[in-house]
Amino acid sequence: MPLGREPRALWMKLIPLGVIFFFATFNLTILANLKDALIITTGGAELLPFLASYFVLPTSLAFFFLYSKLCANLQSKNVFYFAIAPLVVFYAFFITVLYPAHAWLHPQGLVEMASGIIPVGLMGMVRVIENWTFSMFFCVAELWGTVVISVLFWTLANELCSVDEAKSVYPLMGIAANVALVISGNYINLINRTVARGSIQASLQWLIGTVVVTTGLMIGAKWFMDNLMPAHLRPHKEPKQKKAKKAMTLKETLGILRSSKKISALSLMVMGYGVCHRLFEFAWKGELRRLFPSTLEYQTVLSNVSIATGSVSIVLMITGRMVFQRFGWGAAAAATPLAMLVLGGAFFTLSLVGLSPLGTAAIGTAAIVLGAVLQVLARSAKFSLFDPAKEMVYIEMTKEEKNQGKAAVDLVGSQMGKSGASWITQALLLTLGSIPAALPYMALIYLLVGGAWLLAVMDLKQIIGVKDSSRVKDQVEDGRLKRLKAGNS
């Protein structure tokens, strides 16, 4: 549907959706950089697997059940407000109460006390507890991408736009989100350079304050859609009398992942990305801390990676159309695992050589630089090719599969994949004591899971080819329409 055919109606959808998606991605970049810089420079990368397994995963599951209850007991238009409110309230509470008092709230010296009692491989958990306010912020910040973008925004967009409208609206959403990445990265650098000037607290106050304000703009855009948009254009077209739905149990939630071959394959793909990307990040971010030990320096490096990711993603989104049209859904979906297998293999190889007797400082630095390139390309390919291909499969699902399967795959599948990498890393830490010592085994597991992820893509390609080939061919242009940003993570 071209923008010029029904300009007023389409623009009334495009503008508020664009505001929500732009600021959701803008905030995601800020929160992702803050949580990593704060926790890694304070306690080290060894905290990450313990946080992901024992704190982030339970927090995600708790939100999943809260979201199910909200959907069951509230009008659809109100779910957005009640789901996003706890997040922004906590961010404001953290920067006004918890962070200013963290030196008093944290049990200082806990690591030293436990060092002669607790095995070396479990010291990451001790550091999580010692820095518990930072750990809480990490967990709640980790929820933003999954909750606000993957679930709330795309549910809203799918309800508001038809497939024909999506052809005009969704590509613009993807470009807006990547522009937000670039602007957000530059904004972080600007605040740290001109306002914070070495003060971590000032940086946090400005950046988290910005997140609170822009979330208010997102809520305002949603309110416009619910109250000022013409009734026939609004989402959430519900009957007057609505029966309460029973919230899903954990057993039912996990059963959704096995309810169809499509959902099962999607869950394997999402879990595969979670495991591979998380294993890589554990290794890369730990090495990155060695070169950039201060919080603000580390944060600046991550913001520069975000700027590069947004820039490369825009290029890939423009050229991605040719990938879908010329090579098909399978090539687009397989681009991310292939890139991660090739570049990830090179990164782990350089890292292992750098740790060997033959290693030099230059090789170690080269591994870190290659890791930054992998982070940019992997995330760009995921946002611009892998995620749109995944969203295309949701379009082909029944309404029940879409509503239940999307939340289950995005929330449970994504976090289970990330936590799976964390459990693997924890086992290696308990056995070997440190991430550098565990690196050879992490590399092997990374390559094996990456291969399984690629096989899941091929399996889903066959499923689509058998059942939906004609519809997929007609909608191949829609495959790149949707873009997520989570994550990631």
Protein backbone atom coordinates (compact mmCIF):
# COMPACT_ATOMS: atom_id res chain seq x y z
CA MET A 1 0.00 0.00 0.00
CA PRO A 2 1.80 3.17 -1.13
CA LEU A 3 1.91 6.13 1.24
CA GLY A 4 0.10 8.25 -1.26
CA ARG A 5 -3.04 6.10 -1.57
CA GLU A 6 -4.57 6.93 1.83
CA PRO A 7 -2.09 9.45 3.19
CA ARG A 8 -4.01 10.75 6.20
CA ALA A 9 -4.98 7.35 7.59
CA LEU A 10 -1.55 5.88 7.04
CA TRP A 11 0.30 8.85 8.50
CA MET A 12 -1.92 8.74 11.58
CA LYS A 13 -0.61 5.23 12.15
CA LEU A 14 2.96 5.86 11.04
CA ILE A 15 3.70 8.88 13.24
CA PRO A 16 2.70 7.48 16.67
CA LEU A 17 4.17 4.07 15.85
CA GLY A 18 7.38 5.76 14.74
CA VAL A 19 7.57 7.78 17.96
CA ILE A 20 7.13 4.65 20.09
CA PHE A 21 9.63 2.55 18.14
CA PHE A 22 12.23 5.31 17.85
CA PHE A 23 12.30 6.06 21.56
CA ALA A 24 12.02 2.39 22.53
CA THR A 25 15.20 1.71 20.54
CA PHE A 26 16.83 4.91 21.78
CA ASN A 27 16.20 3.83 25.38
CA LEU A 28 17.33 0.27 24.69
CA THR A 29 20.74 1.52 23.56
CA ILE A 30 21.17 3.64 26.68
CA LEU A 31 20.04 0.90 29.07
CA ALA A 32 22.09 -1.84 27.40
CA ASN A 33 25.27 0.23 27.53
CA LEU A 34 24.68 1.36 31.12
CA LYS A 35 23.96 -2.08 32.54
CA ASP A 36 27.01 -3.68 30.92
CA ALA A 37 29.41 -0.86 31.76
CA LEU A 38 28.23 -0.64 35.35
CA ILE A 39 28.27 -4.34 36.22
CA ILE A 40 31.35 -5.46 34.24
CA THR A 41 33.68 -2.66 35.35
CA THR A 42 32.52 -3.15 38.93
CA GLY A 43 32.64 -6.92 39.26
CA GLY A 44 33.99 -8.40 36.03
CA ALA A 45 32.52 -10.48 33.21
CA GLU A 46 32.31 -13.51 35.53
CA LEU A 47 29.14 -11.98 37.01
CA LEU A 48 27.26 -12.21 33.71
CA PRO A 49 26.47 -15.96 33.63
CA PHE A 50 25.20 -15.91 37.22
CA LEU A 51 23.07 -12.85 36.56
CA ALA A 52 21.54 -14.36 33.43
CA SER A 53 20.69 -17.72 35.03
CA TYR A 54 19.56 -16.88 38.53
CA PHE A 55 18.25 -13.36 38.19
CA VAL A 56 17.45 -12.31 34.61
CA LEU A 57 15.64 -15.55 33.71
CA PRO A 58 13.37 -15.57 36.81
CA THR A 59 12.66 -11.86 36.27
CA SER A 60 11.69 -12.55 32.66
CA LEU A 61 9.44 -15.46 33.62
CA ALA A 62 7.81 -13.35 36.33
CA PHE A 63 7.06 -10.66 33.78
CA PHE A 64 5.72 -13.26 31.34
CA PHE A 65 3.11 -14.34 33.88
CA LEU A 66 2.36 -10.72 34.81
CA TYR A 67 1.84 -9.99 31.12
CA SER A 68 -0.48 -13.00 30.77
CA LYS A 69 -2.56 -11.78 33.71
CA LEU A 70 -2.68 -8.26 32.35
CA CYS A 71 -3.90 -9.59 29.00
CA ALA A 72 -6.51 -11.71 30.76
CA ASN A 73 -7.88 -9.04 33.07
CA LEU A 74 -7.44 -5.67 31.32
CA GLN A 75 -8.68 -4.14 28.12
CA SER A 76 -6.06 -4.63 25.42
CA LYS A 77 -5.42 -0.89 25.10
CA ASN A 78 -4.42 -0.67 28.78
CA VAL A 79 -1.92 -3.55 28.77
CA PHE A 80 0.79 -1.33 27.27
CA TYR A 81 0.60 1.21 30.11
CA PHE A 82 0.52 -1.30 32.96
CA ALA A 83 3.36 -3.38 31.46
CA ILE A 84 5.76 -0.49 30.84
CA ALA A 85 5.06 1.39 34.09
CA PRO A 86 6.97 -0.95 36.48
CA LEU A 87 10.10 -0.68 34.35
CA VAL A 88 10.28 3.09 34.21
CA VAL A 89 9.35 3.42 37.90
CA PHE A 90 12.26 1.17 38.84
CA TYR A 91 14.71 3.09 36.63
CA ALA A 92 13.70 6.34 38.35
CA PHE A 93 13.97 4.69 41.78
CA PHE A 94 17.43 3.35 40.98
CA ILE A 95 18.93 6.68 40.01
CA THR A 96 17.24 8.72 42.77
CA VAL A 97 17.57 6.28 45.70
CA LEU A 98 19.57 3.11 45.07
CA TYR A 99 22.62 4.41 43.21
CA PRO A 100 23.29 7.43 45.45
CA ALA A 101 23.18 5.08 48.48
CA HIS A 102 24.93 2.09 46.89
CA ALA A 103 28.14 2.47 48.90
CA TRP A 104 26.08 2.14 52.08
CA LEU A 105 23.69 -0.52 50.74
CA HIS A 106 26.35 -2.86 49.31
CA PRO A 107 27.96 -5.29 51.79
CA GLN A 108 31.52 -4.12 51.18
CA GLY A 109 34.21 -6.75 51.79
CA LEU A 110 31.93 -9.71 51.12
CA VAL A 111 34.18 -10.97 48.32
CA GLU A 112 37.26 -10.85 50.52
CA MET A 113 35.46 -12.66 53.33
CA ALA A 114 34.26 -15.41 51.00
CA SER A 115 37.52 -15.82 49.04
CA GLY A 116 38.91 -18.49 51.35
CA ILE A 117 35.60 -20.37 51.65
CA ILE A 118 33.85 -20.22 48.28
CA PRO A 119 35.38 -21.95 45.22
CA VAL A 120 36.93 -19.57 42.70
CA GLY A 121 34.34 -20.51 40.09
CA LEU A 122 31.51 -19.29 42.36
CA MET A 123 33.00 -15.91 43.16
CA GLY A 124 30.94 -14.36 40.37
CA MET A 125 27.78 -15.12 42.38
CA VAL A 126 29.34 -13.52 45.47
CA ARG A 127 30.07 -10.37 43.45
CA VAL A 128 26.47 -10.34 42.20
CA ILE A 129 25.29 -10.29 45.81
CA GLU A 130 27.87 -7.73 46.93
CA ASN A 131 26.76 -5.36 44.13
CA TRP A 132 23.07 -6.21 44.49
CA THR A 133 21.63 -2.82 43.48
CA PHE A 134 23.65 -2.87 40.26
CA SER A 135 22.50 -6.45 39.71
CA MET A 136 18.85 -5.39 40.09
CA PHE A 137 19.35 -2.61 37.57
CA PHE A 138 21.00 -5.06 35.15
CA CYS A 139 18.01 -7.43 35.35
CA VAL A 140 15.33 -4.79 34.86
CA ALA A 141 17.31 -3.05 32.09
CA GLU A 142 17.66 -6.43 30.36
CA LEU A 143 13.86 -6.67 30.20
CA TRP A 144 13.40 -3.51 28.12
CA GLY A 145 14.20 -5.00 24.72
CA THR A 146 12.09 -8.11 25.18
CA VAL A 147 9.15 -6.47 26.95
CA VAL A 148 8.83 -3.12 25.21
CA ILE A 149 10.04 -3.90 21.69
CA SER A 150 9.53 -7.61 21.07
CA VAL A 151 6.17 -7.94 22.83
CA LEU A 152 4.46 -4.58 23.44
CA PHE A 153 5.48 -2.69 20.31
CA TRP A 154 5.16 -5.48 17.77
CA THR A 155 1.85 -6.65 19.25
CA LEU A 156 0.58 -3.09 18.88
CA ALA A 157 1.94 -2.75 15.35
CA ASN A 158 0.42 -6.07 14.26
CA GLU A 159 -2.98 -5.02 15.62
CA LEU A 160 -2.83 -1.59 14.02
CA CYS A 161 -1.51 -2.38 10.54
CA SER A 162 -2.76 -4.72 7.86
CA VAL A 163 -0.27 -6.70 5.80
CA ASP A 164 -0.63 -4.23 2.92
CA GLU A 165 -0.06 -1.25 5.22
CA ALA A 166 2.93 -3.02 6.74
CA LYS A 167 4.66 -2.86 3.37
CA SER A 168 4.83 0.92 3.74
CA VAL A 169 5.02 1.32 7.51
CA TYR A 170 7.40 -1.40 8.75
CA PRO A 171 10.42 -0.57 6.58
CA LEU A 172 10.24 3.00 7.87
CA MET A 173 10.07 1.64 11.43
CA GLY A 174 13.27 -0.31 10.85
CA ILE A 175 15.10 2.72 9.47
CA ALA A 176 13.85 4.89 12.36
CA ALA A 177 15.09 2.34 14.89
CA ASN A 178 18.57 2.23 13.38
CA VAL A 179 18.72 6.01 13.23
CA ALA A 180 17.81 5.91 16.93
CA LEU A 181 20.81 3.62 17.53
CA VAL A 182 23.16 6.13 15.93
CA ILE A 183 21.63 9.14 17.69
CA SER A 184 21.55 7.36 21.05
CA GLY A 185 25.20 6.33 20.81
CA ASN A 186 26.22 9.88 19.98
CA TYR A 187 24.00 11.21 22.78
CA ILE A 188 25.75 8.94 25.33
CA ASN A 189 29.14 10.20 24.16
CA LEU A 190 27.94 13.81 24.30
CA ILE A 191 26.68 13.45 27.89
CA ASN A 192 29.86 11.74 29.06
CA ARG A 193 32.09 14.29 27.34
CA THR A 194 30.31 17.56 28.17
CA VAL A 195 28.11 16.94 31.23
CA ALA A 196 29.38 13.97 33.23
CA ARG A 197 33.10 14.80 32.82
CA GLY A 198 34.27 11.76 34.73
CA SER A 199 31.31 11.51 37.13
CA ILE A 200 29.50 8.18 36.86
CA GLN A 201 26.57 9.43 38.92
CA ALA A 202 26.08 12.48 36.70
CA SER A 203 26.17 10.26 33.61
CA LEU A 204 23.58 7.90 35.09
CA GLN A 205 21.32 10.75 36.19
CA TRP A 206 21.27 12.35 32.76
CA LEU A 207 20.94 9.14 30.78
CA ILE A 208 18.33 7.42 32.94
CA GLY A 209 16.48 10.72 33.28
CA THR A 210 16.37 10.81 29.49
CA VAL A 211 14.92 7.28 29.45
CA VAL A 212 12.15 8.35 31.84
CA VAL A 213 11.27 11.43 29.77
CA THR A 214 11.26 9.61 26.42
CA THR A 215 9.13 6.82 27.92
CA GLY A 216 6.62 9.53 28.75
CA LEU A 217 6.63 10.51 25.07
CA MET A 218 6.00 6.86 24.14
CA ILE A 219 3.04 6.72 26.52
CA GLY A 220 1.73 9.97 25.04
CA ALA A 221 1.88 8.51 21.53
CA LYS A 222 0.03 5.40 22.72
CA TRP A 223 -2.62 7.57 24.41
CA PHE A 224 -3.09 9.45 21.13
CA MET A 225 -3.71 6.16 19.34
CA ASP A 226 -6.24 5.06 21.95
CA ASN A 227 -8.15 8.33 22.30
CA LEU A 228 -7.62 10.74 19.40
CA MET A 229 -7.16 8.42 16.44
CA PRO A 230 -10.41 7.80 14.50
CA ALA A 231 -12.20 4.76 15.90
CA HIS A 232 -11.98 2.72 12.71
CA LEU A 233 -8.18 3.10 12.67
CA ARG A 234 -7.53 2.23 16.31
CA PRO A 235 -6.05 -1.09 17.47
CA HIS A 236 -7.78 -3.30 20.04
CA LYS A 237 -11.11 -3.60 18.26
CA GLU A 238 -12.81 -5.63 21.00
CA PRO A 239 -16.40 -6.67 21.58
CA LYS A 240 -18.17 -4.77 24.36
CA GLN A 241 -18.39 -7.81 26.58
CA LYS A 242 -15.17 -9.69 26.92
CA LYS A 243 -14.78 -12.93 28.78
CA ALA A 244 -11.84 -13.19 31.12
CA LYS A 245 -9.09 -15.46 29.89
CA LYS A 246 -7.26 -17.88 32.10
CA ALA A 247 -3.58 -17.05 32.53
CA MET A 248 -1.26 -19.72 31.16
CA THR A 249 0.71 -21.93 33.51
CA LEU A 250 4.42 -22.60 33.04
CA LYS A 251 3.63 -26.08 31.71
CA GLU A 252 1.21 -24.61 29.16
CA THR A 253 3.74 -21.93 28.22
CA LEU A 254 6.46 -24.48 27.51
CA GLY A 255 3.91 -26.61 25.67
CA ILE A 256 3.30 -23.73 23.27
CA LEU A 257 6.91 -24.05 22.11
CA ARG A 258 6.12 -27.61 21.00
CA SER A 259 2.61 -26.97 19.70
CA SER A 260 3.64 -26.60 16.05
CA LYS A 261 6.68 -27.26 13.91
CA LYS A 262 6.97 -23.58 13.09
CA ILE A 263 7.02 -22.48 16.73
CA SER A 264 9.41 -25.28 17.61
CA ALA A 265 11.83 -24.29 14.84
CA LEU A 266 11.56 -20.61 15.73
CA SER A 267 12.29 -21.36 19.37
CA LEU A 268 15.41 -23.33 18.39
CA MET A 269 16.57 -20.45 16.21
CA VAL A 270 16.02 -17.88 18.94
CA MET A 271 17.67 -20.10 21.55
CA GLY A 272 20.59 -20.70 19.18
CA TYR A 273 21.18 -16.98 18.80
CA GLY A 274 20.90 -16.52 22.56
CA VAL A 275 23.48 -19.19 23.36
CA CYS A 276 25.99 -18.14 20.68
CA HIS A 277 25.74 -14.43 21.26
CA ARG A 278 25.89 -14.75 25.04
CA LEU A 279 28.94 -17.06 24.95
CA PHE A 280 30.69 -14.62 22.63
CA GLU A 281 29.80 -11.64 24.81
CA PHE A 282 31.10 -13.31 27.97
CA ALA A 283 34.47 -13.77 26.27
CA TRP A 284 34.63 -10.44 24.43
CA LYS A 285 33.36 -8.15 27.18
CA GLY A 286 35.76 -9.67 29.68
CA GLU A 287 38.68 -8.90 27.37
CA LEU A 288 37.29 -5.45 26.63
CA ARG A 289 37.44 -4.60 30.34
CA ARG A 290 41.18 -5.24 30.26
CA LEU A 291 41.70 -2.39 27.78
CA PHE A 292 38.99 -0.07 29.17
CA PRO A 293 38.73 -0.57 32.95
CA SER A 294 36.72 2.57 33.87
CA THR A 295 32.93 2.69 33.62
CA LEU A 296 32.77 5.78 31.42
CA GLU A 297 35.51 4.53 29.05
CA TYR A 298 33.80 1.16 28.75
CA GLN A 299 30.45 2.87 28.17
CA THR A 300 31.95 5.04 25.44
CA VAL A 301 33.30 2.00 23.58
CA LEU A 302 29.89 0.31 23.73
CA SER A 303 28.16 3.46 22.48
CA ASN A 304 30.58 3.60 19.51
CA VAL A 305 29.70 -0.03 18.76
CA SER A 306 26.02 0.98 18.86
CA ILE A 307 26.66 3.82 16.40
CA ALA A 308 28.41 1.42 14.02
CA THR A 309 25.63 -1.14 14.45
CA GLY A 310 22.95 1.38 13.54
CA SER A 311 24.89 2.62 10.51
CA VAL A 312 25.59 -0.88 9.17
CA SER A 313 21.99 -1.94 9.86
CA ILE A 314 20.64 0.89 7.73
CA VAL A 315 22.83 -0.26 4.84
CA LEU A 316 21.73 -3.87 5.33
CA MET A 317 18.07 -2.88 5.48
CA ILE A 318 18.39 -1.05 2.17
CA THR A 319 20.25 -3.93 0.51
CA GLY A 320 18.30 -6.62 2.38
CA ARG A 321 15.42 -6.32 -0.06
CA MET A 322 17.68 -7.83 -2.72
CA VAL A 323 18.59 -10.72 -0.43
CA PHE A 324 14.93 -11.62 0.11
CA GLN A 325 13.96 -11.13 -3.51
CA ARG A 326 16.97 -12.74 -5.18
CA PHE A 327 17.96 -15.45 -2.70
CA GLY A 328 14.77 -15.99 -0.69
CA TRP A 329 13.75 -16.37 2.94
CA GLY A 330 16.28 -19.11 3.70
CA ALA A 331 19.32 -17.03 2.71
CA ALA A 332 18.11 -14.04 4.74
CA ALA A 333 17.45 -16.15 7.84
CA ALA A 334 20.77 -18.00 7.48
CA ALA A 335 22.93 -14.88 7.06
CA THR A 336 23.21 -14.23 10.81
CA PRO A 337 24.26 -17.74 11.91
CA LEU A 338 26.72 -17.95 9.02
CA ALA A 339 28.29 -14.60 9.91
CA MET A 340 28.54 -15.58 13.56
CA LEU A 341 30.07 -18.96 12.75
CA VAL A 342 32.77 -17.49 10.50
CA LEU A 343 33.65 -14.38 12.50
CA GLY A 344 33.11 -16.10 15.84
CA GLY A 345 35.47 -18.88 14.87
CA ALA A 346 38.10 -16.31 13.93
CA PHE A 347 37.58 -14.37 17.19
CA PHE A 348 37.97 -17.43 19.40
CA THR A 349 41.00 -18.57 17.42
CA LEU A 350 42.76 -15.22 17.88
CA SER A 351 41.80 -15.13 21.55
CA LEU A 352 43.20 -18.60 22.17
CA VAL A 353 46.41 -17.77 20.33
CA GLY A 354 46.67 -14.56 22.38
CA LEU A 355 46.46 -16.58 25.61
CA SER A 356 49.01 -19.15 24.47
CA PRO A 357 52.81 -18.87 24.90
CA LEU A 358 52.93 -17.64 21.30
CA GLY A 359 50.52 -14.80 22.05
CA THR A 360 51.42 -11.12 22.04
CA ALA A 361 49.64 -7.95 23.13
CA ALA A 362 48.99 -7.16 19.46
CA ILE A 363 47.19 -10.48 18.92
CA GLY A 364 45.07 -9.91 22.02
CA THR A 365 44.14 -6.44 20.82
CA ALA A 366 43.35 -7.80 17.35
CA ALA A 367 40.98 -10.33 18.94
CA ILE A 368 39.16 -7.53 20.78
CA VAL A 369 38.86 -5.46 17.59
CA LEU A 370 37.58 -8.47 15.65
CA GLY A 371 35.11 -9.06 18.48
CA ALA A 372 33.81 -5.52 18.03
CA VAL A 373 33.40 -6.17 14.29
CA LEU A 374 31.54 -9.41 15.06
CA GLN A 375 29.28 -7.59 17.53
CA VAL A 376 28.40 -4.98 14.92
CA LEU A 377 27.85 -7.37 12.01
CA ALA A 378 26.04 -10.05 14.03
CA ARG A 379 23.60 -7.57 15.55
CA SER A 380 23.13 -5.74 12.25
CA ALA A 381 22.41 -8.97 10.37
CA LYS A 382 20.06 -10.09 13.13
CA PHE A 383 18.13 -6.81 13.19
CA SER A 384 18.00 -6.39 9.41
CA LEU A 385 17.68 -9.96 8.12
CA PHE A 386 17.16 -12.59 10.81
CA ASP A 387 14.47 -10.77 12.83
CA PRO A 388 12.43 -9.66 9.80
CA ALA A 389 12.55 -13.24 8.49
CA LYS A 390 11.34 -14.49 11.87
CA GLU A 391 8.53 -11.92 11.97
CA MET A 392 7.50 -12.98 8.47
CA VAL A 393 6.80 -16.47 9.79
CA TYR A 394 4.48 -14.99 12.45
CA ILE A 395 2.43 -13.36 9.69
CA GLU A 396 1.83 -16.83 8.26
CA MET A 397 0.61 -18.26 11.58
CA THR A 398 -2.94 -18.57 12.81
CA LYS A 399 -4.17 -15.97 15.30
CA GLU A 400 -3.79 -18.38 18.23
CA GLU A 401 -0.27 -19.40 17.19
CA LYS A 402 0.70 -15.76 16.74
CA ASN A 403 -0.64 -14.51 20.08
CA GLN A 404 0.62 -17.38 22.22
CA GLY A 405 3.67 -18.44 20.24
CA LYS A 406 5.18 -14.97 19.90
CA ALA A 407 5.24 -14.28 23.62
CA ALA A 408 6.51 -17.79 24.38
CA VAL A 409 9.31 -17.70 21.77
CA ASP A 410 10.43 -14.13 22.46
CA LEU A 411 10.26 -14.26 26.24
CA VAL A 412 10.91 -17.87 27.16
CA GLY A 413 12.92 -18.97 24.10
CA SER A 414 15.17 -15.93 24.11
CA GLN A 415 15.87 -15.96 27.82
CA MET A 416 16.28 -19.75 27.92
CA GLY A 417 18.90 -19.45 25.19
CA LYS A 418 20.78 -16.75 27.06
CA SER A 419 20.47 -18.64 30.34
CA GLY A 420 21.62 -21.84 28.65
CA ALA A 421 24.88 -20.10 27.76
CA SER A 422 25.10 -18.90 31.34
CA TRP A 423 24.63 -22.40 32.77
CA ILE A 424 27.31 -23.71 30.42
CA THR A 425 29.70 -20.95 31.45
CA GLN A 426 28.98 -21.51 35.14
CA ALA A 427 29.81 -25.20 34.82
CA LEU A 428 33.08 -24.28 33.10
CA LEU A 429 33.89 -21.67 35.74
CA LEU A 430 33.28 -24.17 38.55
CA THR A 431 35.60 -26.64 36.83
CA LEU A 432 38.29 -24.33 35.47
CA GLY A 433 38.01 -21.20 37.61
CA SER A 434 38.04 -18.39 35.03
CA ILE A 435 36.76 -17.40 31.59
CA PRO A 436 40.24 -17.41 29.96
CA ALA A 437 40.76 -21.00 31.15
CA ALA A 438 37.31 -22.00 29.86
CA LEU A 439 37.77 -20.31 26.47
CA PRO A 440 38.63 -23.47 24.42
CA TYR A 441 35.45 -25.22 25.59
CA MET A 442 33.34 -22.10 25.07
CA ALA A 443 34.65 -21.93 21.49
CA LEU A 444 33.73 -25.57 20.80
CA ILE A 445 30.22 -25.19 22.22
CA TYR A 446 29.77 -21.94 20.31
CA LEU A 447 30.53 -23.66 17.00
CA LEU A 448 28.31 -26.67 17.74
CA VAL A 449 25.31 -24.56 18.76
CA GLY A 450 25.84 -22.26 15.78
CA GLY A 451 25.68 -25.29 13.51
CA ALA A 452 22.44 -26.47 15.19
CA TRP A 453 20.97 -22.98 14.77
CA LEU A 454 21.76 -23.07 11.05
CA LEU A 455 20.11 -26.50 10.75
CA ALA A 456 16.96 -25.13 12.45
CA VAL A 457 16.81 -22.38 9.82
CA MET A 458 17.04 -24.99 7.07
CA ASP A 459 14.30 -27.07 8.72
CA LEU A 460 11.97 -24.08 8.94
CA LYS A 461 12.72 -23.23 5.32
CA GLN A 462 11.49 -26.71 4.36
CA ILE A 463 8.35 -26.33 6.50
CA ILE A 464 7.53 -23.01 4.88
CA GLY A 465 8.34 -24.39 1.43
CA VAL A 466 5.93 -27.30 1.86
CA LYS A 467 3.02 -25.54 3.56
CA ASP A 468 3.18 -21.89 2.62
CA SER A 469 5.34 -21.53 -0.46
CA SER A 470 2.79 -19.59 -2.49
CA ARG A 471 1.97 -17.13 0.29
CA VAL A 472 5.61 -16.66 1.26
CA LYS A 473 6.51 -15.92 -2.34
CA ASP A 474 3.79 -13.25 -2.49
CA GLN A 475 4.97 -11.74 0.79
CA VAL A 476 8.73 -12.02 0.33
CA GLU A 477 8.96 -8.26 0.41
CA ASP A 478 7.29 -8.32 3.84
CA GLY A 479 10.07 -10.54 5.21
CA ARG A 480 12.27 -7.56 5.91
CA LEU A 481 9.42 -5.37 7.20
CA LYS A 482 9.80 -6.07 10.87
CA ARG A 483 12.85 -5.34 12.94
CA LEU A 484 13.50 -6.14 16.60
CA LYS A 485 16.00 -4.89 18.76
CA ALA A 486 16.06 -7.07 22.56
CA GLY A 487 18.12 -8.35 23.42
CA ASN A 488 20.12 -8.22 23.15
CA SER A 489 21.56 -8.94 23.86
